[in-house]
Amino acid sequence: MIKLSAFIAGLLFGFGLLLAGMANPGKVLAFLDLTGAWDPSLALVMVGAIGVAVAPLTWARRQSSSLLGRPMQLPVKRELDPRLIGGSLLFGIGWGIAGICPGPAVVILLTGHWQAIVFMLAMLAGMLLFTALESRRSH
């Protein structure tokens, strides 16, 4: 049941990305182009997503287990640190250069576009590099 619910959630997420235009790098880059032909429509998508998420997250904070009986695992860290800020900057720079982020990249990958393949390979290389650096850091 857990895998089925994860699969359904992934399908809904992917459909939402397509419907909102988040899987269209041109639309994302137009949203990020504040001094040119700015397209504010993705801001409405983000505000809508926050609005939809408020009630479930409020409910989840009060629960010790999920609807499927698993332990509730919500983030507890609240402070900013250099690693969080650095990671956020890297994510934002990559988003601005490519016009896509990891979720939409998976959706676009299914279309076979070579840019999505390059993005995914670069993302996986970054994840491997992070894992190697974290391993060295913990030793």
C-alpha atoms as a PDB file:
ATOM      1  CA  MET A   1       0.000   0.000   0.000  1.00  0.00           C
ATOM      2  CA  ILE A   2       2.880   2.372   0.763  1.00  0.00           C
ATOM      3  CA  LYS A   3       4.431   1.899  -2.692  1.00  0.00           C
ATOM      4  CA  LEU A   4       1.047   2.345  -4.374  1.00  0.00           C
ATOM      5  CA  SER A   5       0.375   5.584  -2.499  1.00  0.00           C
ATOM      6  CA  ALA A   6       3.883   6.842  -3.377  1.00  0.00           C
ATOM      7  CA  PHE A   7       3.269   5.970  -7.033  1.00  0.00           C
ATOM      8  CA  ILE A   8      -0.087   7.791  -7.062  1.00  0.00           C
ATOM      9  CA  ALA A   9       1.444  10.812  -5.312  1.00  0.00           C
ATOM     10  CA  GLY A  10       4.240  10.867  -7.916  1.00  0.00           C
ATOM     11  CA  LEU A  11       1.739  10.716 -10.766  1.00  0.00           C
ATOM     12  CA  LEU A  12      -0.288  13.568  -9.272  1.00  0.00           C
ATOM     13  CA  PHE A  13       2.869  15.606  -8.727  1.00  0.00           C
ATOM     14  CA  GLY A  14       4.051  15.022 -12.305  1.00  0.00           C
ATOM     15  CA  PHE A  15       0.628  15.869 -13.722  1.00  0.00           C
ATOM     16  CA  GLY A  16       0.554  19.036 -11.623  1.00  0.00           C
ATOM     17  CA  LEU A  17       3.990  20.052 -12.915  1.00  0.00           C
ATOM     18  CA  LEU A  18       2.841  19.579 -16.504  1.00  0.00           C
ATOM     19  CA  LEU A  19      -0.454  21.382 -15.931  1.00  0.00           C
ATOM     20  CA  ALA A  20       1.266  24.340 -14.221  1.00  0.00           C
ATOM     21  CA  GLY A  21       3.927  24.690 -16.918  1.00  0.00           C
ATOM     22  CA  MET A  22       6.778  23.913 -14.510  1.00  0.00           C
ATOM     23  CA  ALA A  23       8.093  21.272 -16.945  1.00  0.00           C
ATOM     24  CA  ASN A  24       8.513  23.921 -19.642  1.00  0.00           C
ATOM     25  CA  PRO A  25      12.008  25.447 -19.291  1.00  0.00           C
ATOM     26  CA  GLY A  26      10.988  28.434 -21.445  1.00  0.00           C
ATOM     27  CA  LYS A  27       8.143  29.296 -19.069  1.00  0.00           C
ATOM     28  CA  VAL A  28      10.387  28.910 -16.014  1.00  0.00           C
ATOM     29  CA  LEU A  29      13.109  31.098 -17.543  1.00  0.00           C
ATOM     30  CA  ALA A  30      10.473  33.726 -18.424  1.00  0.00           C
ATOM     31  CA  PHE A  31       9.399  33.676 -14.761  1.00  0.00           C
ATOM     32  CA  LEU A  32      13.001  34.213 -13.659  1.00  0.00           C
ATOM     33  CA  ASP A  33      13.572  37.054 -16.183  1.00  0.00           C
ATOM     34  CA  LEU A  34      12.541  39.962 -13.939  1.00  0.00           C
ATOM     35  CA  THR A  35      14.014  42.641 -16.210  1.00  0.00           C
ATOM     36  CA  GLY A  36      12.710  41.280 -19.525  1.00  0.00           C
ATOM     37  CA  ALA A  37       9.488  39.612 -20.596  1.00  0.00           C
ATOM     38  CA  TRP A  38       8.587  38.503 -17.061  1.00  0.00           C
ATOM     39  CA  ASP A  39       5.852  35.857 -16.823  1.00  0.00           C
ATOM     40  CA  PRO A  40       4.383  35.965 -13.276  1.00  0.00           C
ATOM     41  CA  SER A  41       2.106  32.940 -13.775  1.00  0.00           C
ATOM     42  CA  LEU A  42       4.427  30.559 -11.905  1.00  0.00           C
ATOM     43  CA  ALA A  43       4.222  32.819  -8.847  1.00  0.00           C
ATOM     44  CA  LEU A  44       0.489  32.091  -8.809  1.00  0.00           C
ATOM     45  CA  VAL A  45       1.261  28.374  -9.025  1.00  0.00           C
ATOM     46  CA  MET A  46       3.618  28.653  -6.048  1.00  0.00           C
ATOM     47  CA  VAL A  47       1.114  30.652  -3.972  1.00  0.00           C
ATOM     48  CA  GLY A  48      -1.579  28.107  -4.840  1.00  0.00           C
ATOM     49  CA  ALA A  49       0.699  25.228  -3.836  1.00  0.00           C
ATOM     50  CA  ILE A  50       1.449  26.873  -0.497  1.00  0.00           C
ATOM     51  CA  GLY A  51      -2.258  27.445   0.065  1.00  0.00           C
ATOM     52  CA  VAL A  52      -3.086  23.821  -0.674  1.00  0.00           C
ATOM     53  CA  ALA A  53      -0.269  22.555   1.580  1.00  0.00           C
ATOM     54  CA  VAL A  54      -1.103  24.609   4.699  1.00  0.00           C
ATOM     55  CA  ALA A  55      -3.997  22.459   5.986  1.00  0.00           C
ATOM     56  CA  PRO A  56      -2.331  19.038   5.490  1.00  0.00           C
ATOM     57  CA  LEU A  57       0.944  20.233   7.030  1.00  0.00           C
ATOM     58  CA  THR A  58      -0.876  21.727   9.994  1.00  0.00           C
ATOM     59  CA  TRP A  59      -2.674  18.415  10.479  1.00  0.00           C
ATOM     60  CA  ALA A  60       0.553  16.420  10.031  1.00  0.00           C
ATOM     61  CA  ARG A  61       2.364  18.404  12.735  1.00  0.00           C
ATOM     62  CA  ARG A  62      -0.197  17.186  15.257  1.00  0.00           C
ATOM     63  CA  GLN A  63       0.158  13.506  14.306  1.00  0.00           C
ATOM     64  CA  SER A  64       2.681  10.912  15.438  1.00  0.00           C
ATOM     65  CA  SER A  65       2.011   8.587  12.497  1.00  0.00           C
ATOM     66  CA  SER A  66       0.881   8.903   8.884  1.00  0.00           C
ATOM     67  CA  LEU A  67      -2.423   7.676   7.469  1.00  0.00           C
ATOM     68  CA  LEU A  68      -0.612   4.483   6.446  1.00  0.00           C
ATOM     69  CA  GLY A  69       0.678   3.918   9.983  1.00  0.00           C
ATOM     70  CA  ARG A  70       4.279   4.981   9.371  1.00  0.00           C
ATOM     71  CA  PRO A  71       6.074   7.359  11.758  1.00  0.00           C
ATOM     72  CA  MET A  72       5.527  11.020  10.857  1.00  0.00           C
ATOM     73  CA  GLN A  73       8.853  12.481   9.703  1.00  0.00           C
ATOM     74  CA  LEU A  74       8.667  16.237   9.296  1.00  0.00           C
ATOM     75  CA  PRO A  75      11.708  18.534   9.279  1.00  0.00           C
ATOM     76  CA  VAL A  76      12.587  19.826  12.739  1.00  0.00           C
ATOM     77  CA  LYS A  77      15.635  22.002  12.008  1.00  0.00           C
ATOM     78  CA  ARG A  78      14.647  25.676  11.892  1.00  0.00           C
ATOM     79  CA  GLU A  79      17.930  27.611  11.782  1.00  0.00           C
ATOM     80  CA  LEU A  80      19.867  28.685   8.714  1.00  0.00           C
ATOM     81  CA  ASP A  81      23.436  27.495   8.348  1.00  0.00           C
ATOM     82  CA  PRO A  82      26.107  27.891   5.658  1.00  0.00           C
ATOM     83  CA  ARG A  83      25.373  24.442   4.191  1.00  0.00           C
ATOM     84  CA  LEU A  84      21.673  25.241   3.736  1.00  0.00           C
ATOM     85  CA  ILE A  85      22.404  28.646   2.236  1.00  0.00           C
ATOM     86  CA  GLY A  86      25.101  27.227  -0.072  1.00  0.00           C
ATOM     87  CA  GLY A  87      22.864  24.404  -1.225  1.00  0.00           C
ATOM     88  CA  SER A  88      20.006  26.826  -1.847  1.00  0.00           C
ATOM     89  CA  LEU A  89      22.284  29.064  -3.907  1.00  0.00           C
ATOM     90  CA  LEU A  90      23.524  26.116  -5.986  1.00  0.00           C
ATOM     91  CA  PHE A  91      19.950  24.932  -6.535  1.00  0.00           C
ATOM     92  CA  GLY A  92      18.818  28.418  -7.578  1.00  0.00           C
ATOM     93  CA  ILE A  93      21.750  28.945  -9.918  1.00  0.00           C
ATOM     94  CA  GLY A  94      21.126  25.574 -11.566  1.00  0.00           C
ATOM     95  CA  TRP A  95      17.422  26.340 -11.864  1.00  0.00           C
ATOM     96  CA  GLY A  96      18.207  29.696 -13.460  1.00  0.00           C
ATOM     97  CA  ILE A  97      20.681  28.235 -15.947  1.00  0.00           C
ATOM     98  CA  ALA A  98      18.666  25.186 -16.989  1.00  0.00           C
ATOM     99  CA  GLY A  99      15.121  26.415 -16.407  1.00  0.00           C
ATOM    100  CA  ILE A 100      14.243  23.148 -14.687  1.00  0.00           C
ATOM    101  CA  CYS A 101      14.618  21.608 -11.255  1.00  0.00           C
ATOM    102  CA  PRO A 102      14.684  17.922 -10.239  1.00  0.00           C
ATOM    103  CA  GLY A 103      10.933  17.198 -10.249  1.00  0.00           C
ATOM    104  CA  PRO A 104      10.228  18.635 -13.690  1.00  0.00           C
ATOM    105  CA  ALA A 105      13.500  17.128 -14.961  1.00  0.00           C
ATOM    106  CA  VAL A 106      12.119  13.640 -14.309  1.00  0.00           C
ATOM    107  CA  VAL A 107       8.920  14.558 -16.171  1.00  0.00           C
ATOM    108  CA  ILE A 108      10.891  16.016 -19.108  1.00  0.00           C
ATOM    109  CA  LEU A 109      13.267  13.035 -19.091  1.00  0.00           C
ATOM    110  CA  LEU A 110      10.374  10.846 -20.193  1.00  0.00           C
ATOM    111  CA  THR A 111      10.088  12.937 -23.380  1.00  0.00           C
ATOM    112  CA  GLY A 112      13.615  11.961 -24.445  1.00  0.00           C
ATOM    113  CA  HIS A 113      14.963  15.507 -24.822  1.00  0.00           C
ATOM    114  CA  TRP A 114      18.766  15.448 -24.665  1.00  0.00           C
ATOM    115  CA  GLN A 115      18.801  18.526 -22.400  1.00  0.00           C
ATOM    116  CA  ALA A 116      16.868  16.616 -19.734  1.00  0.00           C
ATOM    117  CA  ILE A 117      19.317  13.732 -19.983  1.00  0.00           C
ATOM    118  CA  VAL A 118      22.281  16.102 -19.557  1.00  0.00           C
ATOM    119  CA  PHE A 119      20.535  17.791 -16.606  1.00  0.00           C
ATOM    120  CA  MET A 120      19.809  14.459 -14.907  1.00  0.00           C
ATOM    121  CA  LEU A 121      23.397  13.256 -15.423  1.00  0.00           C
ATOM    122  CA  ALA A 122      24.741  16.513 -13.962  1.00  0.00           C
ATOM    123  CA  MET A 123      22.313  16.233 -11.029  1.00  0.00           C
ATOM    124  CA  LEU A 124      23.345  12.636 -10.350  1.00  0.00           C
ATOM    125  CA  ALA A 125      27.019  13.627 -10.541  1.00  0.00           C
ATOM    126  CA  GLY A 126      26.345  16.375  -8.008  1.00  0.00           C
ATOM    127  CA  MET A 127      24.578  13.913  -5.715  1.00  0.00           C
ATOM    128  CA  LEU A 128      27.517  11.498  -5.942  1.00  0.00           C
ATOM    129  CA  LEU A 129      29.967  14.322  -5.230  1.00  0.00           C
ATOM    130  CA  PHE A 130      27.902  15.399  -2.206  1.00  0.00           C
ATOM    131  CA  THR A 131      27.786  11.813  -0.920  1.00  0.00           C
ATOM    132  CA  ALA A 132      31.568  11.475  -1.271  1.00  0.00           C
ATOM    133  CA  LEU A 133      32.178  14.800   0.473  1.00  0.00           C
ATOM    134  CA  GLU A 134      29.730  13.915   3.267  1.00  0.00           C
ATOM    135  CA  SER A 135      31.453  10.578   3.724  1.00  0.00           C
ATOM    136  CA  ARG A 136      34.844  12.300   4.079  1.00  0.00           C
ATOM    137  CA  ARG A 137      33.331  14.894   6.413  1.00  0.00           C
ATOM    138  CA  SER A 138      31.874  12.296   8.792  1.00  0.00           C
ATOM    139  CA  HIS A 139      35.182  10.446   9.129  1.00  0.00           C
END
